[in-house]
Structure formats: structure tokens, C-alpha cells
Amino acid sequence: MLNYHSRTIINLGLLILVVVLVLITLYEPGLDETEHKLPLTNLNPTEINSIRISDTKGRELILKKLQGHWQMTSPHQEAADETRIAQLLGIATTRSFSHFIVPEDRLAEFGLNPAPIQLKLNNVTLEIGGNESLRFRRYVRIGDQIHLISNGFHHHLMAQPDDFIAPNR
């Protein structure tokens, strides 16, 4: 039978182990800091002047920056919600937590065969795929690279065209 002193030492050891594991999780040692903070694209949001969102269900939304203001050009001709577009354009510089090349025959594993949503910013096409199950990050394919990003943009990508119309039109 363990005495009180032995149990205290075991409990302290377990506590130290938990603290070490939490620190490893938070600080992610071994990751290259420069790569760890790479943006998803090299695009500057202020230089983006065209946006196209389409999906496999046939929805298509086209927005263009004309004379410094965003306009929806398809499916309606309307002034666009500048605030919502600024939030959406944040995807261009959002952090890519990791990226890798995946053979074409494995795209389905990442929800990218076909990609349910395509976002085109100027001439850069982002294929938006499924969620990674561990941290619920979103798979995004650009060219031959698949990136993992936070899932904070998905609601903008799923929005209906009317959601992009300027509120004070």
C-alpha cells in the first residue's frame, strides 16, 4: 500500500507531466516560426479588384471594384456591402497553418474532389474543401498545394448573393 508521501509525489509528477504537455501543445516546438506564420496567398487585399464565388450547386457571385467601390455584377447589378467584402478578403492573408502537396487521386480525402466552393481573387483560385477533424481547420487548395486555415471565412463563402448587397442602397 502506498503511503501519503508516495501518493503526493505521484500526483506532483502527474501534474508536472500535464503542464509540460499543455506547454508543448501551446508553443508547438520544432515548428519553423517563419513558415508557421505564412499567409495563405501573396495577395494584398487592397489590390484585389475582382471576386468570384461559385459552388457545385450552380451558385455564382461576381463582385468587382469599380472606381474604388465594390459592385456586384452577377447575379444582380447592385452596390456591394464593403464591410462584408473586407472581411471576406481577409482570407487572402489569413495564416496558413500548414501546407502540403497531395496527389490528384487523394483529393477526395480533403473534400476537394470536386471542391464544393471556389473563390477566385483576381487571378488566384482557391478551392475550398472539407474540415480537418482534429482542430476543425479548413482545407484550401491553391494550385498543387493544400493549405490548412482557420474556418472563420466559411460563412461568407456560403452566403447568398443578396447577403452581399450594400445595406443602405
N, C-alpha and C. Protein backbone atom coordinates (compact mmCIF):
# COMPACT_ATOMS: atom_id res chain seq x y z
N MET A 1 0.82 -1.17 0.00
CA MET A 1 0.00 0.00 0.00
C MET A 1 0.87 1.25 0.00
N LEU A 2 0.49 2.23 -0.81
CA LEU A 2 1.25 3.46 -0.88
C LEU A 2 0.91 4.35 0.30
N ASN A 3 1.94 4.95 0.85
CA ASN A 3 1.67 5.88 1.94
C ASN A 3 1.36 7.27 1.38
N TYR A 4 1.02 8.18 2.25
CA TYR A 4 0.62 9.53 1.88
C TYR A 4 1.72 10.25 1.09
N HIS A 5 2.96 10.10 1.52
CA HIS A 5 4.09 10.76 0.87
C HIS A 5 4.28 10.26 -0.57
N SER A 6 4.15 8.96 -0.79
CA SER A 6 4.30 8.39 -2.13
C SER A 6 3.21 8.89 -3.07
N ARG A 7 1.97 8.95 -2.57
CA ARG A 7 0.86 9.44 -3.40
C ARG A 7 1.05 10.91 -3.77
N THR A 8 1.57 11.69 -2.85
CA THR A 8 1.82 13.11 -3.13
C THR A 8 2.86 13.26 -4.23
N ILE A 9 3.91 12.47 -4.18
CA ILE A 9 4.96 12.53 -5.20
C ILE A 9 4.40 12.10 -6.56
N ILE A 10 3.58 11.06 -6.58
CA ILE A 10 2.97 10.61 -7.83
C ILE A 10 2.06 11.70 -8.40
N ASN A 11 1.24 12.31 -7.55
CA ASN A 11 0.33 13.37 -8.01
C ASN A 11 1.11 14.58 -8.53
N LEU A 12 2.20 14.95 -7.86
CA LEU A 12 3.02 16.05 -8.34
C LEU A 12 3.66 15.72 -9.69
N GLY A 13 4.11 14.50 -9.83
CA GLY A 13 4.68 14.07 -11.10
C GLY A 13 3.67 14.13 -12.23
N LEU A 14 2.45 13.68 -11.96
CA LEU A 14 1.39 13.74 -12.97
C LEU A 14 1.03 15.19 -13.32
N LEU A 15 1.01 16.05 -12.31
CA LEU A 15 0.73 17.46 -12.54
C LEU A 15 1.80 18.09 -13.44
N ILE A 16 3.05 17.79 -13.16
CA ILE A 16 4.15 18.31 -13.98
C ILE A 16 4.04 17.80 -15.41
N LEU A 17 3.68 16.53 -15.58
CA LEU A 17 3.51 15.96 -16.91
C LEU A 17 2.40 16.69 -17.68
N VAL A 18 1.29 16.96 -17.01
CA VAL A 18 0.18 17.67 -17.65
C VAL A 18 0.62 19.08 -18.07
N VAL A 19 1.33 19.78 -17.19
CA VAL A 19 1.80 21.13 -17.51
C VAL A 19 2.74 21.10 -18.72
N VAL A 20 3.64 20.15 -18.77
CA VAL A 20 4.57 20.03 -19.89
C VAL A 20 3.80 19.76 -21.19
N LEU A 21 2.82 18.88 -21.15
CA LEU A 21 2.03 18.58 -22.35
C LEU A 21 1.24 19.79 -22.82
N VAL A 22 0.69 20.56 -21.90
CA VAL A 22 -0.03 21.78 -22.27
C VAL A 22 0.92 22.78 -22.92
N LEU A 23 2.11 22.94 -22.36
CA LEU A 23 3.08 23.88 -22.94
C LEU A 23 3.52 23.44 -24.33
N ILE A 24 3.70 22.16 -24.53
CA ILE A 24 4.07 21.65 -25.85
C ILE A 24 2.96 21.94 -26.85
N THR A 25 1.72 21.73 -26.43
CA THR A 25 0.58 21.99 -27.31
C THR A 25 0.48 23.46 -27.67
N LEU A 26 0.67 24.34 -26.70
CA LEU A 26 0.52 25.77 -26.94
C LEU A 26 1.65 26.36 -27.77
N TYR A 27 2.86 25.96 -27.50
CA TYR A 27 4.02 26.58 -28.16
C TYR A 27 4.51 25.83 -29.38
N GLU A 28 4.03 24.61 -29.61
CA GLU A 28 4.37 23.82 -30.78
C GLU A 28 5.86 23.88 -31.11
N PRO A 29 6.71 23.37 -30.24
CA PRO A 29 8.15 23.42 -30.50
C PRO A 29 8.52 22.63 -31.76
N GLY A 30 9.55 23.08 -32.41
CA GLY A 30 10.01 22.41 -33.61
C GLY A 30 9.44 23.00 -34.89
N LEU A 31 8.40 23.83 -34.77
CA LEU A 31 7.87 24.49 -35.96
C LEU A 31 8.74 25.68 -36.31
N ASP A 32 9.03 25.80 -37.56
CA ASP A 32 9.78 26.95 -38.05
C ASP A 32 8.88 28.17 -37.96
N GLU A 33 9.28 29.17 -37.20
CA GLU A 33 8.43 30.35 -36.96
C GLU A 33 8.10 31.10 -38.24
N THR A 34 9.03 31.17 -39.20
CA THR A 34 8.72 31.90 -40.43
C THR A 34 7.66 31.16 -41.23
N GLU A 35 7.78 29.84 -41.31
CA GLU A 35 6.78 29.07 -42.04
C GLU A 35 5.47 29.05 -41.27
N HIS A 36 5.56 29.07 -39.96
CA HIS A 36 4.38 28.98 -39.11
C HIS A 36 3.44 30.17 -39.33
N LYS A 37 3.96 31.29 -39.79
CA LYS A 37 3.14 32.50 -39.93
C LYS A 37 2.95 32.91 -41.39
N LEU A 38 3.13 32.00 -42.32
CA LEU A 38 2.97 32.34 -43.73
C LEU A 38 1.51 32.61 -44.05
N PRO A 39 1.23 33.65 -44.85
CA PRO A 39 -0.16 33.90 -45.26
C PRO A 39 -0.59 32.89 -46.33
N LEU A 40 -1.89 32.74 -46.47
CA LEU A 40 -2.43 31.81 -47.45
C LEU A 40 -2.01 32.17 -48.87
N THR A 41 -2.04 33.47 -49.20
CA THR A 41 -1.63 33.91 -50.54
C THR A 41 -0.67 35.10 -50.40
N ASN A 42 -0.11 35.51 -51.51
CA ASN A 42 0.72 36.71 -51.54
C ASN A 42 -0.07 37.95 -51.94
N LEU A 43 -1.38 37.79 -52.05
CA LEU A 43 -2.22 38.92 -52.46
C LEU A 43 -2.38 39.93 -51.34
N ASN A 44 -2.36 41.19 -51.71
CA ASN A 44 -2.66 42.27 -50.77
C ASN A 44 -4.15 42.58 -50.94
N PRO A 45 -4.96 42.46 -49.88
CA PRO A 45 -6.41 42.68 -50.02
C PRO A 45 -6.77 44.02 -50.67
N THR A 46 -5.97 45.05 -50.45
CA THR A 46 -6.29 46.35 -51.05
C THR A 46 -6.07 46.37 -52.56
N GLU A 47 -5.32 45.40 -53.08
CA GLU A 47 -5.05 45.33 -54.51
C GLU A 47 -5.97 44.36 -55.25
N ILE A 48 -6.83 43.68 -54.51
CA ILE A 48 -7.79 42.77 -55.14
C ILE A 48 -8.93 43.60 -55.72
N ASN A 49 -9.26 43.35 -56.99
CA ASN A 49 -10.33 44.13 -57.62
C ASN A 49 -11.42 43.27 -58.25
N SER A 50 -11.30 41.95 -58.12
CA SER A 50 -12.38 41.09 -58.58
C SER A 50 -12.47 39.84 -57.70
N ILE A 51 -13.71 39.46 -57.43
CA ILE A 51 -14.01 38.29 -56.60
C ILE A 51 -15.07 37.47 -57.33
N ARG A 52 -14.84 36.18 -57.37
CA ARG A 52 -15.85 35.27 -57.93
C ARG A 52 -16.01 34.12 -56.96
N ILE A 53 -17.24 33.90 -56.51
CA ILE A 53 -17.55 32.77 -55.63
C ILE A 53 -18.52 31.88 -56.39
N SER A 54 -18.18 30.60 -56.51
CA SER A 54 -19.08 29.65 -57.16
C SER A 54 -19.06 28.34 -56.39
N ASP A 55 -20.12 27.56 -56.59
CA ASP A 55 -20.17 26.27 -55.90
C ASP A 55 -20.72 25.20 -56.84
N THR A 56 -20.70 23.98 -56.36
CA THR A 56 -21.13 22.84 -57.18
C THR A 56 -22.64 22.81 -57.38
N LYS A 57 -23.38 23.66 -56.67
CA LYS A 57 -24.84 23.72 -56.84
C LYS A 57 -25.25 24.75 -57.89
N GLY A 58 -24.29 25.41 -58.50
CA GLY A 58 -24.59 26.36 -59.56
C GLY A 58 -24.64 27.82 -59.11
N ARG A 59 -24.44 28.07 -57.84
CA ARG A 59 -24.45 29.46 -57.35
C ARG A 59 -23.18 30.16 -57.84
N GLU A 60 -23.34 31.38 -58.33
CA GLU A 60 -22.19 32.17 -58.75
C GLU A 60 -22.43 33.63 -58.37
N LEU A 61 -21.41 34.21 -57.80
CA LEU A 61 -21.45 35.61 -57.37
C LEU A 61 -20.19 36.28 -57.90
N ILE A 62 -20.35 37.40 -58.59
CA ILE A 62 -19.20 38.13 -59.10
C ILE A 62 -19.25 39.55 -58.55
N LEU A 63 -18.14 39.96 -57.96
CA LEU A 63 -18.00 41.30 -57.39
C LEU A 63 -16.79 41.96 -58.03
N LYS A 64 -16.92 43.23 -58.37
CA LYS A 64 -15.81 43.97 -58.97
C LYS A 64 -15.64 45.30 -58.27
N LYS A 65 -14.39 45.70 -58.14
CA LYS A 65 -14.09 47.01 -57.56
C LYS A 65 -13.99 48.01 -58.71
N LEU A 66 -14.95 48.93 -58.73
CA LEU A 66 -15.03 49.92 -59.81
C LEU A 66 -14.95 51.31 -59.20
N GLN A 67 -13.97 52.08 -59.61
CA GLN A 67 -13.75 53.44 -59.12
C GLN A 67 -13.70 53.47 -57.59
N GLY A 68 -13.02 52.47 -57.02
CA GLY A 68 -12.79 52.44 -55.58
C GLY A 68 -13.93 51.87 -54.75
N HIS A 69 -15.02 51.43 -55.39
CA HIS A 69 -16.16 50.88 -54.64
C HIS A 69 -16.53 49.51 -55.21
N TRP A 70 -16.96 48.62 -54.32
CA TRP A 70 -17.33 47.28 -54.73
C TRP A 70 -18.75 47.26 -55.27
N GLN A 71 -18.90 46.56 -56.40
CA GLN A 71 -20.20 46.38 -57.06
C GLN A 71 -20.42 44.89 -57.32
N MET A 72 -21.63 44.43 -57.09
CA MET A 72 -22.00 43.09 -57.51
C MET A 72 -22.37 43.20 -58.99
N THR A 73 -21.76 42.36 -59.82
CA THR A 73 -22.07 42.38 -61.25
C THR A 73 -22.87 41.16 -61.68
N SER A 74 -22.90 40.13 -60.85
CA SER A 74 -23.69 38.94 -61.13
C SER A 74 -23.98 38.23 -59.82
N PRO A 75 -25.18 37.79 -59.58
CA PRO A 75 -26.33 37.71 -60.47
C PRO A 75 -27.15 39.01 -60.57
N HIS A 76 -26.85 40.02 -59.78
CA HIS A 76 -27.55 41.31 -59.84
C HIS A 76 -26.52 42.41 -60.08
N GLN A 77 -26.99 43.54 -60.51
CA GLN A 77 -26.16 44.75 -60.60
C GLN A 77 -26.53 45.61 -59.39
N GLU A 78 -25.71 45.57 -58.34
CA GLU A 78 -26.02 46.28 -57.10
C GLU A 78 -24.73 46.79 -56.47
N ALA A 79 -24.86 47.83 -55.66
CA ALA A 79 -23.73 48.24 -54.81
C ALA A 79 -23.52 47.13 -53.78
N ALA A 80 -22.27 46.82 -53.50
CA ALA A 80 -21.96 45.70 -52.60
C ALA A 80 -21.61 46.21 -51.20
N ASP A 81 -21.79 45.34 -50.24
CA ASP A 81 -21.50 45.63 -48.82
C ASP A 81 -19.99 45.64 -48.61
N GLU A 82 -19.42 46.82 -48.50
CA GLU A 82 -17.96 46.99 -48.39
C GLU A 82 -17.40 46.29 -47.14
N THR A 83 -18.15 46.34 -46.04
CA THR A 83 -17.68 45.72 -44.79
C THR A 83 -17.59 44.21 -44.95
N ARG A 84 -18.62 43.61 -45.50
CA ARG A 84 -18.61 42.16 -45.68
C ARG A 84 -17.49 41.74 -46.63
N ILE A 85 -17.27 42.51 -47.67
CA ILE A 85 -16.21 42.18 -48.62
C ILE A 85 -14.84 42.31 -47.97
N ALA A 86 -14.64 43.33 -47.16
CA ALA A 86 -13.36 43.49 -46.45
C ALA A 86 -13.11 42.28 -45.55
N GLN A 87 -14.15 41.78 -44.90
CA GLN A 87 -14.00 40.60 -44.05
C GLN A 87 -13.65 39.38 -44.89
N LEU A 88 -14.32 39.21 -46.02
CA LEU A 88 -14.04 38.09 -46.91
C LEU A 88 -12.62 38.16 -47.45
N LEU A 89 -12.15 39.35 -47.81
CA LEU A 89 -10.81 39.49 -48.37
C LEU A 89 -9.71 39.15 -47.37
N GLY A 90 -10.06 39.11 -46.10
CA GLY A 90 -9.10 38.69 -45.08
C GLY A 90 -8.58 37.28 -45.32
N ILE A 91 -9.32 36.48 -46.09
CA ILE A 91 -8.87 35.12 -46.38
C ILE A 91 -7.54 35.14 -47.14
N ALA A 92 -7.29 36.17 -47.92
CA ALA A 92 -6.06 36.25 -48.72
C ALA A 92 -4.81 36.25 -47.84
N THR A 93 -4.91 36.88 -46.68
CA THR A 93 -3.73 36.99 -45.80
C THR A 93 -3.88 36.19 -44.51
N THR A 94 -4.93 35.37 -44.43
CA THR A 94 -5.07 34.56 -43.23
C THR A 94 -3.91 33.58 -43.13
N ARG A 95 -3.63 33.15 -41.95
CA ARG A 95 -2.49 32.28 -41.69
C ARG A 95 -2.71 30.89 -42.26
N SER A 96 -1.72 30.39 -42.97
CA SER A 96 -1.71 29.01 -43.42
C SER A 96 -0.96 28.21 -42.35
N PHE A 97 -1.70 27.39 -41.61
CA PHE A 97 -1.09 26.64 -40.52
C PHE A 97 -0.15 25.56 -41.03
N SER A 98 -0.47 25.00 -42.18
CA SER A 98 0.42 24.04 -42.82
C SER A 98 0.01 23.92 -44.28
N HIS A 99 0.91 23.40 -45.08
CA HIS A 99 0.60 23.17 -46.50
C HIS A 99 1.40 21.99 -46.98
N PHE A 100 0.86 21.32 -47.98
CA PHE A 100 1.49 20.12 -48.50
C PHE A 100 0.95 19.84 -49.90
N ILE A 101 1.67 19.02 -50.62
CA ILE A 101 1.26 18.60 -51.95
C ILE A 101 0.57 17.25 -51.82
N VAL A 102 -0.56 17.11 -52.48
CA VAL A 102 -1.30 15.85 -52.41
C VAL A 102 -1.54 15.35 -53.83
N PRO A 103 -1.31 14.06 -54.05
CA PRO A 103 -1.59 13.51 -55.39
C PRO A 103 -3.07 13.68 -55.75
N GLU A 104 -3.34 13.86 -57.03
CA GLU A 104 -4.71 14.06 -57.52
C GLU A 104 -5.66 12.96 -57.06
N ASP A 105 -5.18 11.74 -56.93
CA ASP A 105 -6.07 10.63 -56.56
C ASP A 105 -6.46 10.64 -55.08
N ARG A 106 -5.93 11.57 -54.28
CA ARG A 106 -6.29 11.64 -52.85
C ARG A 106 -7.09 12.89 -52.50
N LEU A 107 -7.50 13.67 -53.49
CA LEU A 107 -8.21 14.92 -53.22
C LEU A 107 -9.52 14.70 -52.47
N ALA A 108 -10.19 13.59 -52.70
CA ALA A 108 -11.47 13.31 -52.02
C ALA A 108 -11.30 13.25 -50.51
N GLU A 109 -10.15 12.82 -50.03
CA GLU A 109 -9.89 12.75 -48.58
C GLU A 109 -9.97 14.12 -47.92
N PHE A 110 -9.79 15.17 -48.70
CA PHE A 110 -9.77 16.53 -48.17
C PHE A 110 -11.00 17.34 -48.61
N GLY A 111 -11.99 16.63 -49.14
CA GLY A 111 -13.21 17.29 -49.59
C GLY A 111 -12.98 18.16 -50.81
N LEU A 112 -12.04 17.75 -51.66
CA LEU A 112 -11.64 18.58 -52.80
C LEU A 112 -11.84 17.88 -54.15
N ASN A 113 -12.70 16.87 -54.20
CA ASN A 113 -12.92 16.16 -55.46
C ASN A 113 -14.40 15.98 -55.73
N PRO A 114 -15.08 16.96 -56.26
CA PRO A 114 -14.61 18.31 -56.56
C PRO A 114 -14.72 19.20 -55.33
N ALA A 115 -14.09 20.35 -55.40
CA ALA A 115 -14.19 21.32 -54.30
C ALA A 115 -15.61 21.88 -54.30
N PRO A 116 -16.29 21.87 -53.15
CA PRO A 116 -17.67 22.38 -53.11
C PRO A 116 -17.78 23.88 -53.36
N ILE A 117 -16.72 24.63 -53.06
CA ILE A 117 -16.74 26.09 -53.26
C ILE A 117 -15.43 26.50 -53.92
N GLN A 118 -15.53 27.40 -54.88
CA GLN A 118 -14.34 28.01 -55.48
C GLN A 118 -14.42 29.51 -55.27
N LEU A 119 -13.31 30.06 -54.84
CA LEU A 119 -13.18 31.50 -54.63
C LEU A 119 -12.04 31.98 -55.52
N LYS A 120 -12.33 32.91 -56.40
CA LYS A 120 -11.28 33.46 -57.26
C LYS A 120 -11.08 34.91 -56.87
N LEU A 121 -9.86 35.23 -56.44
CA LEU A 121 -9.46 36.58 -56.07
C LEU A 121 -8.48 37.06 -57.14
N ASN A 122 -8.89 38.04 -57.93
CA ASN A 122 -8.13 38.43 -59.13
C ASN A 122 -7.90 37.18 -59.97
N ASN A 123 -6.68 36.73 -60.13
CA ASN A 123 -6.42 35.53 -60.94
C ASN A 123 -6.00 34.33 -60.12
N VAL A 124 -6.19 34.38 -58.81
CA VAL A 124 -5.81 33.27 -57.93
C VAL A 124 -7.07 32.51 -57.52
N THR A 125 -7.10 31.21 -57.83
CA THR A 125 -8.25 30.38 -57.50
C THR A 125 -7.98 29.58 -56.24
N LEU A 126 -8.90 29.71 -55.28
CA LEU A 126 -8.85 28.96 -54.03
C LEU A 126 -9.99 27.96 -54.07
N GLU A 127 -9.67 26.68 -53.95
CA GLU A 127 -10.70 25.65 -53.89
C GLU A 127 -10.89 25.31 -52.41
N ILE A 128 -12.11 25.52 -51.92
CA ILE A 128 -12.40 25.36 -50.51
C ILE A 128 -12.95 23.96 -50.29
N GLY A 129 -12.28 23.19 -49.43
CA GLY A 129 -12.68 21.81 -49.20
C GLY A 129 -13.30 21.57 -47.85
N GLY A 130 -13.08 20.38 -47.34
CA GLY A 130 -13.67 19.97 -46.07
C GLY A 130 -12.88 20.45 -44.87
N ASN A 131 -13.33 19.99 -43.70
CA ASN A 131 -12.67 20.34 -42.44
C ASN A 131 -11.70 19.25 -42.02
N GLU A 132 -10.60 19.65 -41.45
CA GLU A 132 -9.66 18.74 -40.80
C GLU A 132 -10.29 18.39 -39.45
N SER A 133 -10.30 17.14 -39.08
CA SER A 133 -11.09 16.70 -37.92
C SER A 133 -10.47 17.01 -36.56
N LEU A 134 -9.18 17.21 -36.47
CA LEU A 134 -8.55 17.42 -35.17
C LEU A 134 -8.79 18.83 -34.64
N ARG A 135 -8.53 19.84 -35.45
CA ARG A 135 -8.67 21.23 -35.00
C ARG A 135 -9.74 22.00 -35.79
N PHE A 136 -10.50 21.30 -36.62
CA PHE A 136 -11.59 21.88 -37.41
C PHE A 136 -11.11 23.02 -38.31
N ARG A 137 -9.91 22.86 -38.84
CA ARG A 137 -9.41 23.82 -39.81
C ARG A 137 -9.88 23.40 -41.19
N ARG A 138 -9.91 24.33 -42.09
CA ARG A 138 -10.46 24.12 -43.43
C ARG A 138 -9.34 23.85 -44.43
N TYR A 139 -9.55 22.85 -45.30
CA TYR A 139 -8.61 22.57 -46.39
C TYR A 139 -8.88 23.53 -47.55
N VAL A 140 -7.83 24.14 -48.05
CA VAL A 140 -7.93 25.05 -49.19
C VAL A 140 -6.83 24.68 -50.18
N ARG A 141 -7.21 24.44 -51.41
CA ARG A 141 -6.24 24.09 -52.44
C ARG A 141 -5.97 25.31 -53.32
N ILE A 142 -4.69 25.60 -53.49
CA ILE A 142 -4.24 26.63 -54.42
C ILE A 142 -3.17 25.98 -55.29
N GLY A 143 -3.48 25.78 -56.55
CA GLY A 143 -2.54 25.09 -57.43
C GLY A 143 -2.34 23.66 -56.96
N ASP A 144 -1.08 23.27 -56.77
CA ASP A 144 -0.81 21.90 -56.32
C ASP A 144 -0.62 21.80 -54.81
N GLN A 145 -0.87 22.88 -54.08
CA GLN A 145 -0.70 22.91 -52.62
C GLN A 145 -2.06 22.89 -51.92
N ILE A 146 -2.14 22.13 -50.85
CA ILE A 146 -3.31 22.17 -49.97
C ILE A 146 -2.86 22.82 -48.67
N HIS A 147 -3.62 23.83 -48.24
CA HIS A 147 -3.33 24.57 -47.02
C HIS A 147 -4.40 24.27 -45.98
N LEU A 148 -4.04 24.45 -44.73
CA LEU A 148 -5.00 24.39 -43.62
C LEU A 148 -5.12 25.79 -43.05
N ILE A 149 -6.36 26.31 -43.02
CA ILE A 149 -6.60 27.65 -42.47
C ILE A 149 -7.71 27.57 -41.42
N SER A 150 -7.86 28.63 -40.66
CA SER A 150 -8.97 28.68 -39.70
C SER A 150 -10.27 28.70 -40.49
N ASN A 151 -11.33 28.31 -39.84
CA ASN A 151 -12.62 28.15 -40.51
C ASN A 151 -13.47 29.41 -40.45
N GLY A 152 -12.89 30.55 -40.13
CA GLY A 152 -13.66 31.76 -39.90
C GLY A 152 -14.23 32.44 -41.13
N PHE A 153 -13.94 31.96 -42.32
CA PHE A 153 -14.41 32.61 -43.54
C PHE A 153 -15.55 31.86 -44.21
N HIS A 154 -15.82 30.67 -43.75
CA HIS A 154 -16.76 29.79 -44.44
C HIS A 154 -18.16 30.39 -44.55
N HIS A 155 -18.61 31.11 -43.53
CA HIS A 155 -19.96 31.68 -43.59
C HIS A 155 -20.07 32.74 -44.69
N HIS A 156 -18.99 33.45 -44.99
CA HIS A 156 -19.01 34.41 -46.10
C HIS A 156 -19.08 33.66 -47.44
N LEU A 157 -18.37 32.56 -47.52
CA LEU A 157 -18.34 31.79 -48.76
C LEU A 157 -19.67 31.09 -49.03
N MET A 158 -20.42 30.80 -47.98
CA MET A 158 -21.72 30.13 -48.11
C MET A 158 -22.87 31.13 -48.27
N ALA A 159 -22.61 32.41 -48.08
CA ALA A 159 -23.66 33.43 -48.11
C ALA A 159 -24.31 33.51 -49.49
N GLN A 160 -25.57 33.88 -49.48
CA GLN A 160 -26.31 34.08 -50.72
C GLN A 160 -25.94 35.43 -51.33
N PRO A 161 -26.13 35.60 -52.62
CA PRO A 161 -25.79 36.88 -53.26
C PRO A 161 -26.43 38.09 -52.59
N ASP A 162 -27.68 37.97 -52.16
CA ASP A 162 -28.36 39.11 -51.51
C ASP A 162 -27.65 39.54 -50.23
N ASP A 163 -26.91 38.63 -49.60
CA ASP A 163 -26.18 38.98 -48.38
C ASP A 163 -25.01 39.92 -48.66
N PHE A 164 -24.63 40.05 -49.92
CA PHE A 164 -23.52 40.93 -50.29
C PHE A 164 -23.98 42.30 -50.79
N ILE A 165 -25.29 42.52 -50.82
CA ILE A 165 -25.82 43.81 -51.27
C ILE A 165 -25.63 44.83 -50.15
N ALA A 166 -25.21 46.03 -50.52
CA ALA A 166 -25.00 47.10 -49.53
C ALA A 166 -26.29 47.34 -48.74
N PRO A 167 -26.18 47.48 -47.42
CA PRO A 167 -27.38 47.61 -46.59
C PRO A 167 -28.13 48.92 -46.79
N ASN A 168 -27.48 49.97 -47.23
CA ASN A 168 -28.14 51.27 -47.37
C ASN A 168 -28.30 51.68 -48.83
N ARG A 169 -28.82 50.78 -49.61
CA ARG A 169 -28.97 51.06 -51.05
C ARG A 169 -30.24 51.80 -51.34
